[in-house]
């Protein structure tokens, strides 16, 4: 119970503890307090709390002038003959 209370005091999100899923099973909660277990737990906690940043919106502004029409130059003989 002491190990569980210590982990709950440090990682307070009860939603995290309900949804966390480790790839392997541990013999004891004391593993999560060790150096290797702590790294795994911190990584899982950071992944759980990660917020996807909003995409930046760019304002291009108002266009000026008329749209230009580009004519395709013939690259092959078939293109040259189809244009006529």
PDB file of N, CA and C in Angstrom:
ATOM      1  N   UNK A   1       0.823  -1.194   0.000  1.00  0.00           N
ATOM      2  CA  UNK A   1       0.000   0.000   0.000  1.00  0.00           C
ATOM      3  C   UNK A   1       0.869   1.262   0.000  1.00  0.00           C
ATOM      4  N   UNK A   2       2.003   1.198   0.658  1.00  0.00           N
ATOM      5  CA  UNK A   2       2.885   2.368   0.705  1.00  0.00           C
ATOM      6  C   UNK A   2       3.389   2.710  -0.694  1.00  0.00           C
ATOM      7  N   UNK A   3       3.768   1.693  -1.467  1.00  0.00           N
ATOM      8  CA  UNK A   3       4.257   1.940  -2.825  1.00  0.00           C
ATOM      9  C   UNK A   3       3.145   2.527  -3.683  1.00  0.00           C
ATOM     10  N   UNK A   4       1.947   2.007  -3.559  1.00  0.00           N
ATOM     11  CA  UNK A   4       0.813   2.525  -4.326  1.00  0.00           C
ATOM     12  C   UNK A   4       0.502   3.959  -3.946  1.00  0.00           C
ATOM     13  N   UNK A   5       0.491   4.263  -2.674  1.00  0.00           N
ATOM     14  CA  UNK A   5       0.212   5.633  -2.221  1.00  0.00           C
ATOM     15  C   UNK A   5       1.288   6.601  -2.695  1.00  0.00           C
ATOM     16  N   UNK A   6       2.542   6.168  -2.696  1.00  0.00           N
ATOM     17  CA  UNK A   6       3.622   7.028  -3.190  1.00  0.00           C
ATOM     18  C   UNK A   6       3.461   7.313  -4.681  1.00  0.00           C
ATOM     19  N   UNK A   7       3.114   6.281  -5.449  1.00  0.00           N
ATOM     20  CA  UNK A   7       2.913   6.474  -6.897  1.00  0.00           C
ATOM     21  C   UNK A   7       1.706   7.361  -7.171  1.00  0.00           C
ATOM     22  N   UNK A   8       0.632   7.179  -6.403  1.00  0.00           N
ATOM     23  CA  UNK A   8      -0.554   8.016  -6.584  1.00  0.00           C
ATOM     24  C   UNK A   8      -0.296   9.460  -6.171  1.00  0.00           C
ATOM     25  N   UNK A   9       0.575   9.672  -5.205  1.00  0.00           N
ATOM     26  CA  UNK A   9       0.909  11.029  -4.784  1.00  0.00           C
ATOM     27  C   UNK A   9       1.698  11.752  -5.870  1.00  0.00           C
ATOM     28  N   UNK A  10       2.552  11.032  -6.577  1.00  0.00           N
ATOM     29  CA  UNK A  10       3.373  11.660  -7.611  1.00  0.00           C
ATOM     30  C   UNK A  10       2.622  11.801  -8.929  1.00  0.00           C
ATOM     31  N   UNK A  11       1.918  10.758  -9.343  1.00  0.00           N
ATOM     32  CA  UNK A  11       1.136  10.769 -10.588  1.00  0.00           C
ATOM     33  C   UNK A  11      -0.337  10.772 -10.195  1.00  0.00           C
ATOM     34  N   UNK A  12      -0.912  11.954 -10.037  1.00  0.00           N
ATOM     35  CA  UNK A  12      -2.211  12.120  -9.405  1.00  0.00           C
ATOM     36  C   UNK A  12      -3.409  11.800 -10.283  1.00  0.00           C
ATOM     37  N   UNK A  13      -3.237  11.686 -11.563  1.00  0.00           N
ATOM     38  CA  UNK A  13      -4.358  11.482 -12.469  1.00  0.00           C
ATOM     39  C   UNK A  13      -4.925  10.062 -12.310  1.00  0.00           C
ATOM     40  N   UNK A  14      -6.123   9.970 -11.770  1.00  0.00           N
ATOM     41  CA  UNK A  14      -6.760   8.657 -11.625  1.00  0.00           C
ATOM     42  C   UNK A  14      -7.167   8.107 -12.989  1.00  0.00           C
ATOM     43  N   UNK A  15      -7.460   8.997 -13.919  1.00  0.00           N
ATOM     44  CA  UNK A  15      -7.797   8.565 -15.281  1.00  0.00           C
ATOM     45  C   UNK A  15      -6.610   7.858 -15.925  1.00  0.00           C
ATOM     46  N   UNK A  16      -5.410   8.351 -15.656  1.00  0.00           N
ATOM     47  CA  UNK A  16      -4.191   7.713 -16.164  1.00  0.00           C
ATOM     48  C   UNK A  16      -4.060   6.301 -15.614  1.00  0.00           C
ATOM     49  N   UNK A  17      -4.267   6.134 -14.317  1.00  0.00           N
ATOM     50  CA  UNK A  17      -4.093   4.822 -13.700  1.00  0.00           C
ATOM     51  C   UNK A  17      -5.154   3.834 -14.173  1.00  0.00           C
ATOM     52  N   UNK A  18      -6.314   4.318 -14.552  1.00  0.00           N
ATOM     53  CA  UNK A  18      -7.357   3.419 -15.050  1.00  0.00           C
ATOM     54  C   UNK A  18      -7.071   2.964 -16.474  1.00  0.00           C
ATOM     55  N   UNK A  19      -6.394   3.790 -17.251  1.00  0.00           N
ATOM     56  CA  UNK A  19      -6.193   3.493 -18.668  1.00  0.00           C
ATOM     57  C   UNK A  19      -4.793   3.014 -19.027  1.00  0.00           C
ATOM     58  N   UNK A  20      -3.836   3.120 -18.136  1.00  0.00           N
ATOM     59  CA  UNK A  20      -2.464   2.739 -18.462  1.00  0.00           C
ATOM     60  C   UNK A  20      -2.392   1.232 -18.682  1.00  0.00           C
ATOM     61  N   UNK A  21      -1.589   0.861 -19.689  1.00  0.00           N
ATOM     62  CA  UNK A  21      -1.416  -0.548 -20.023  1.00  0.00           C
ATOM     63  C   UNK A  21       0.060  -0.770 -20.317  1.00  0.00           C
ATOM     64  N   UNK A  22       0.698  -1.592 -19.521  1.00  0.00           N
ATOM     65  CA  UNK A  22       2.104  -1.909 -19.716  1.00  0.00           C
ATOM     66  C   UNK A  22       2.216  -3.165 -20.567  1.00  0.00           C
ATOM     67  N   UNK A  23       3.260  -3.246 -21.390  1.00  0.00           N
ATOM     68  CA  UNK A  23       3.445  -4.389 -22.270  1.00  0.00           C
ATOM     69  C   UNK A  23       3.742  -5.668 -21.483  1.00  0.00           C
ATOM     70  N   UNK A  24       4.385  -5.522 -20.349  1.00  0.00           N
ATOM     71  CA  UNK A  24       4.779  -6.683 -19.562  1.00  0.00           C
ATOM     72  C   UNK A  24       4.156  -6.588 -18.180  1.00  0.00           C
ATOM     73  N   UNK A  25       4.096  -7.698 -17.485  1.00  0.00           N
ATOM     74  CA  UNK A  25       3.571  -7.692 -16.123  1.00  0.00           C
ATOM     75  C   UNK A  25       4.745  -7.619 -15.152  1.00  0.00           C
ATOM     76  N   UNK A  26       4.502  -6.962 -14.037  1.00  0.00           N
ATOM     77  CA  UNK A  26       5.536  -6.781 -13.030  1.00  0.00           C
ATOM     78  C   UNK A  26       5.176  -7.600 -11.797  1.00  0.00           C
ATOM     79  N   UNK A  27       6.185  -8.060 -11.098  1.00  0.00           N
ATOM     80  CA  UNK A  27       5.955  -8.844  -9.877  1.00  0.00           C
ATOM     81  C   UNK A  27       5.398  -7.978  -8.758  1.00  0.00           C
ATOM     82  N   UNK A  28       5.787  -6.707  -8.769  1.00  0.00           N
ATOM     83  CA  UNK A  28       5.393  -5.829  -7.679  1.00  0.00           C
ATOM     84  C   UNK A  28       5.331  -4.389  -8.174  1.00  0.00           C
ATOM     85  N   UNK A  29       4.607  -3.554  -7.443  1.00  0.00           N
ATOM     86  CA  UNK A  29       4.578  -2.125  -7.750  1.00  0.00           C
ATOM     87  C   UNK A  29       5.909  -1.459  -7.415  1.00  0.00           C
ATOM     88  N   UNK A  30       6.711  -2.121  -6.628  1.00  0.00           N
ATOM     89  CA  UNK A  30       8.024  -1.566  -6.290  1.00  0.00           C
ATOM     90  C   UNK A  30       8.904  -1.433  -7.514  1.00  0.00           C
ATOM     91  N   UNK A  31       8.633  -2.230  -8.552  1.00  0.00           N
ATOM     92  CA  UNK A  31       9.403  -2.088  -9.798  1.00  0.00           C
ATOM     93  C   UNK A  31       9.214  -0.691 -10.382  1.00  0.00           C
ATOM     94  N   UNK A  32       8.000  -0.141 -10.276  1.00  0.00           N
ATOM     95  CA  UNK A  32       7.722   1.188 -10.831  1.00  0.00           C
ATOM     96  C   UNK A  32       8.425   2.297 -10.046  1.00  0.00           C
ATOM     97  N   UNK A  33       8.881   1.994  -8.851  1.00  0.00           N
ATOM     98  CA  UNK A  33       9.624   2.975  -8.069  1.00  0.00           C
ATOM     99  C   UNK A  33      11.127   2.881  -8.330  1.00  0.00           C
ATOM    100  N   UNK A  34      11.580   1.811  -8.997  1.00  0.00           N
ATOM    101  CA  UNK A  34      12.997   1.678  -9.329  1.00  0.00           C
ATOM    102  C   UNK A  34      13.338   2.603 -10.502  1.00  0.00           C
ATOM    103  N   UNK A  35      14.601   2.702 -10.837  1.00  0.00           N
ATOM    104  CA  UNK A  35      15.045   3.608 -11.904  1.00  0.00           C
ATOM    105  C   UNK A  35      14.481   3.191 -13.258  1.00  0.00           C
ATOM    106  N   UNK A  36      14.545   1.905 -13.579  1.00  0.00           N
ATOM    107  CA  UNK A  36      14.043   1.428 -14.876  1.00  0.00           C
ATOM    108  C   UNK A  36      12.526   1.550 -14.955  1.00  0.00           C
ATOM    109  N   UNK A  37      11.845   1.181 -13.879  1.00  0.00           N
ATOM    110  CA  UNK A  37      10.384   1.273 -13.864  1.00  0.00           C
ATOM    111  C   UNK A  37       9.905   2.711 -13.880  1.00  0.00           C
ATOM    112  N   UNK A  38      10.671   3.577 -13.232  1.00  0.00           N
ATOM    113  CA  UNK A  38      10.311   5.001 -13.192  1.00  0.00           C
ATOM    114  C   UNK A  38      10.380   5.615 -14.593  1.00  0.00           C
ATOM    115  N   UNK A  39      11.386   5.217 -15.387  1.00  0.00           N
ATOM    116  CA  UNK A  39      11.489   5.722 -16.759  1.00  0.00           C
ATOM    117  C   UNK A  39      10.280   5.285 -17.577  1.00  0.00           C
ATOM    118  N   UNK A  40       9.878   4.029 -17.438  1.00  0.00           N
ATOM    119  CA  UNK A  40       8.719   3.518 -18.170  1.00  0.00           C
ATOM    120  C   UNK A  40       7.466   4.277 -17.747  1.00  0.00           C
ATOM    121  N   UNK A  41       7.308   4.476 -16.444  1.00  0.00           N
ATOM    122  CA  UNK A  41       6.115   5.154 -15.928  1.00  0.00           C
ATOM    123  C   UNK A  41       6.063   6.611 -16.357  1.00  0.00           C
ATOM    124  N   UNK A  42       7.181   7.302 -16.340  1.00  0.00           N
ATOM    125  CA  UNK A  42       7.216   8.711 -16.766  1.00  0.00           C
ATOM    126  C   UNK A  42       6.899   8.816 -18.257  1.00  0.00           C
ATOM    127  N   UNK A  43       7.438   7.892 -19.053  1.00  0.00           N
ATOM    128  CA  UNK A  43       7.161   7.903 -20.491  1.00  0.00           C
ATOM    129  C   UNK A  43       5.682   7.692 -20.762  1.00  0.00           C
ATOM    130  N   UNK A  44       5.068   6.728 -20.079  1.00  0.00           N
ATOM    131  CA  UNK A  44       3.637   6.458 -20.249  1.00  0.00           C
ATOM    132  C   UNK A  44       2.800   7.651 -19.794  1.00  0.00           C
ATOM    133  N   UNK A  45       3.196   8.283 -18.693  1.00  0.00           N
ATOM    134  CA  UNK A  45       2.455   9.427 -18.167  1.00  0.00           C
ATOM    135  C   UNK A  45       2.530  10.617 -19.117  1.00  0.00           C
ATOM    136  N   UNK A  46       3.714  10.850 -19.696  1.00  0.00           N
ATOM    137  CA  UNK A  46       3.867  11.947 -20.652  1.00  0.00           C
ATOM    138  C   UNK A  46       3.087  11.675 -21.937  1.00  0.00           C
ATOM    139  N   UNK A  47       3.068  10.419 -22.394  1.00  0.00           N
ATOM    140  CA  UNK A  47       2.281  10.077 -23.576  1.00  0.00           C
ATOM    141  C   UNK A  47       0.792  10.274 -23.313  1.00  0.00           C
ATOM    142  N   UNK A  48       0.352   9.947 -22.113  1.00  0.00           N
ATOM    143  CA  UNK A  48      -1.057  10.078 -21.766  1.00  0.00           C
ATOM    144  C   UNK A  48      -1.469  11.546 -21.717  1.00  0.00           C
ATOM    145  N   UNK A  49      -0.612  12.408 -21.211  1.00  0.00           N
ATOM    146  CA  UNK A  49      -0.945  13.821 -21.032  1.00  0.00           C
ATOM    147  C   UNK A  49      -0.573  14.695 -22.221  1.00  0.00           C
ATOM    148  N   UNK A  50      -0.062  14.111 -23.303  1.00  0.00           N
ATOM    149  CA  UNK A  50       0.361  14.899 -24.457  1.00  0.00           C
ATOM    150  C   UNK A  50      -0.850  15.499 -25.156  1.00  0.00           C
ATOM    151  N   UNK A  51      -0.797  16.770 -25.416  1.00  0.00           N
ATOM    152  CA  UNK A  51      -1.848  17.482 -26.147  1.00  0.00           C
ATOM    153  C   UNK A  51      -1.319  17.818 -27.533  1.00  0.00           C
ATOM    154  N   UNK A  52      -2.079  17.468 -28.552  1.00  0.00           N
ATOM    155  CA  UNK A  52      -1.672  17.758 -29.923  1.00  0.00           C
ATOM    156  C   UNK A  52      -1.815  19.258 -30.157  1.00  0.00           C
ATOM    157  N   UNK A  53      -0.745  19.924 -30.585  1.00  0.00           N
ATOM    158  CA  UNK A  53      -0.833  21.373 -30.792  1.00  0.00           C
ATOM    159  C   UNK A  53      -1.733  21.700 -31.974  1.00  0.00           C
ATOM    160  N   UNK A  54      -2.394  22.830 -31.881  1.00  0.00           N
ATOM    161  CA  UNK A  54      -3.267  23.299 -32.955  1.00  0.00           C
ATOM    162  C   UNK A  54      -2.415  23.690 -34.166  1.00  0.00           C
ATOM    163  N   UNK A  55      -2.859  23.365 -35.381  1.00  0.00           N
ATOM    164  CA  UNK A  55      -2.089  23.762 -36.562  1.00  0.00           C
ATOM    165  C   UNK A  55      -2.122  25.276 -36.744  1.00  0.00           C
ATOM    166  N   UNK A  56      -1.013  25.817 -37.231  1.00  0.00           N
ATOM    167  CA  UNK A  56      -0.935  27.252 -37.461  1.00  0.00           C
ATOM    168  C   UNK A  56      -1.765  27.622 -38.681  1.00  0.00           C
ATOM    169  N   UNK A  57      -2.429  28.755 -38.602  1.00  0.00           N
ATOM    170  CA  UNK A  57      -3.207  29.253 -39.733  1.00  0.00           C
ATOM    171  C   UNK A  57      -2.496  30.481 -40.284  1.00  0.00           C
ATOM    172  N   UNK A  58      -2.271  30.471 -41.574  1.00  0.00           N
ATOM    173  CA  UNK A  58      -1.571  31.573 -42.222  1.00  0.00           C
ATOM    174  C   UNK A  58      -2.566  32.376 -43.041  1.00  0.00           C
ATOM    175  N   UNK A  59      -2.503  33.671 -42.909  1.00  0.00           N
ATOM    176  CA  UNK A  59      -3.351  34.559 -43.687  1.00  0.00           C
ATOM    177  C   UNK A  59      -2.533  35.057 -44.876  1.00  0.00           C
ATOM    178  N   UNK A  60      -2.887  34.615 -46.055  1.00  0.00           N
ATOM    179  CA  UNK A  60      -2.140  34.986 -47.252  1.00  0.00           C
ATOM    180  C   UNK A  60      -2.479  36.415 -47.665  1.00  0.00           C
ATOM    181  N   UNK A  61      -3.689  36.797 -47.462  1.00  0.00           N
ATOM    182  CA  UNK A  61      -4.094  38.147 -47.800  1.00  0.00           C
ATOM    183  C   UNK A  61      -4.887  38.179 -49.086  1.00  0.00           C
ATOM    184  N   UNK A  62      -5.166  39.368 -49.543  1.00  0.00           N
ATOM    185  CA  UNK A  62      -5.972  39.568 -50.735  1.00  0.00           C
ATOM    186  C   UNK A  62      -5.093  39.488 -51.981  1.00  0.00           C
ATOM    187  N   UNK A  63      -5.583  38.809 -53.008  1.00  0.00           N
ATOM    188  CA  UNK A  63      -4.825  38.727 -54.251  1.00  0.00           C
ATOM    189  C   UNK A  63      -5.014  40.001 -55.064  1.00  0.00           C
ATOM    190  N   UNK A  64      -3.985  40.348 -55.799  1.00  0.00           N
ATOM    191  CA  UNK A  64      -4.003  41.572 -56.589  1.00  0.00           C
ATOM    192  C   UNK A  64      -3.770  41.206 -58.046  1.00  0.00           C
ATOM    193  N   UNK A  65      -4.518  41.826 -58.953  1.00  0.00           N
ATOM    194  CA  UNK A  65      -4.314  41.594 -60.376  1.00  0.00           C
ATOM    195  C   UNK A  65      -5.190  40.489 -60.915  1.00  0.00           C
ATOM    196  N   UNK A  66      -5.027  40.239 -62.199  1.00  0.00           N
ATOM    197  CA  UNK A  66      -5.825  39.226 -62.869  1.00  0.00           C
ATOM    198  C   UNK A  66      -5.071  37.903 -62.891  1.00  0.00           C
ATOM    199  N   UNK A  67      -5.823  36.822 -62.996  1.00  0.00           N
ATOM    200  CA  UNK A  67      -5.208  35.515 -63.125  1.00  0.00           C
ATOM    201  C   UNK A  67      -4.639  35.355 -64.522  1.00  0.00           C
ATOM    202  N   UNK A  68      -3.466  34.815 -64.595  1.00  0.00           N
ATOM    203  CA  UNK A  68      -2.804  34.636 -65.876  1.00  0.00           C
ATOM    204  C   UNK A  68      -3.086  33.231 -66.387  1.00  0.00           C
ATOM    205  N   UNK A  69      -3.350  33.106 -67.664  1.00  0.00           N
ATOM    206  CA  UNK A  69      -3.597  31.814 -68.280  1.00  0.00           C
ATOM    207  C   UNK A  69      -2.307  31.374 -68.963  1.00  0.00           C
ATOM    208  N   UNK A  70      -1.817  30.220 -68.562  1.00  0.00           N
ATOM    209  CA  UNK A  70      -0.597  29.682 -69.137  1.00  0.00           C
ATOM    210  C   UNK A  70      -0.972  28.677 -70.222  1.00  0.00           C
ATOM    211  N   UNK A  71      -0.342  28.797 -71.359  1.00  0.00           N
ATOM    212  CA  UNK A  71      -0.573  27.870 -72.450  1.00  0.00           C
ATOM    213  C   UNK A  71       0.494  26.789 -72.416  1.00  0.00           C
ATOM    214  N   UNK A  72       0.054  25.579 -72.567  1.00  0.00           N
ATOM    215  CA  UNK A  72       0.960  24.448 -72.509  1.00  0.00           C
ATOM    216  C   UNK A  72       1.706  24.327 -73.833  1.00  0.00           C
ATOM    217  N   UNK A  73       3.023  24.284 -73.757  1.00  0.00           N
ATOM    218  CA  UNK A  73       3.821  24.118 -74.963  1.00  0.00           C
ATOM    219  C   UNK A  73       3.842  22.638 -75.342  1.00  0.00           C
ATOM    220  N   UNK A  74       3.750  22.326 -76.617  1.00  0.00           N
ATOM    221  CA  UNK A  74       3.785  20.917 -77.019  1.00  0.00           C
ATOM    222  C   UNK A  74       5.166  20.316 -76.777  1.00  0.00           C
ATOM    223  N   UNK A  75       5.154  19.151 -76.141  1.00  0.00           N
ATOM    224  CA  UNK A  75       6.414  18.476 -75.845  1.00  0.00           C
ATOM    225  C   UNK A  75       6.647  17.295 -76.774  1.00  0.00           C
ATOM    226  N   UNK A  76       5.577  16.764 -77.309  1.00  0.00           N
ATOM    227  CA  UNK A  76       5.711  15.634 -78.221  1.00  0.00           C
ATOM    228  C   UNK A  76       5.055  15.983 -79.548  1.00  0.00           C
ATOM    229  N   UNK A  77       5.268  15.147 -80.543  1.00  0.00           N
ATOM    230  CA  UNK A  77       4.649  15.373 -81.854  1.00  0.00           C
ATOM    231  C   UNK A  77       3.143  15.275 -81.745  1.00  0.00           C
ATOM    232  N   UNK A  78       2.658  14.337 -80.936  1.00  0.00           N
ATOM    233  CA  UNK A  78       1.209  14.182 -80.756  1.00  0.00           C
ATOM    234  C   UNK A  78       0.598  15.447 -80.159  1.00  0.00           C
ATOM    235  N   UNK A  79       1.259  16.038 -79.151  1.00  0.00           N
ATOM    236  CA  UNK A  79       0.750  17.296 -78.576  1.00  0.00           C
ATOM    237  C   UNK A  79       0.730  18.401 -79.635  1.00  0.00           C
ATOM    238  N   UNK A  80       1.749  18.445 -80.464  1.00  0.00           N
ATOM    239  CA  UNK A  80       1.819  19.466 -81.503  1.00  0.00           C
ATOM    240  C   UNK A  80       0.678  19.297 -82.501  1.00  0.00           C
ATOM    241  N   UNK A  81       0.395  18.066 -82.900  1.00  0.00           N
ATOM    242  CA  UNK A  81      -0.658  17.822 -83.881  1.00  0.00           C
ATOM    243  C   UNK A  81      -2.050  18.017 -83.301  1.00  0.00           C
ATOM    244  N   UNK A  82      -2.254  17.759 -81.996  1.00  0.00           N
ATOM    245  CA  UNK A  82      -3.568  17.934 -81.360  1.00  0.00           C
ATOM    246  C   UNK A  82      -3.912  19.392 -81.172  1.00  0.00           C
ATOM    247  N   UNK A  83      -2.927  20.274 -81.045  1.00  0.00           N
ATOM    248  CA  UNK A  83      -3.191  21.687 -80.873  1.00  0.00           C
ATOM    249  C   UNK A  83      -3.788  22.314 -82.122  1.00  0.00           C
ATOM    250  N   UNK A  84      -3.480  21.793 -83.266  1.00  0.00           N
ATOM    251  CA  UNK A  84      -3.942  22.419 -84.501  1.00  0.00           C
ATOM    252  C   UNK A  84      -5.270  21.977 -84.873  1.00  0.00           C
TER     253      UNK A  84
END
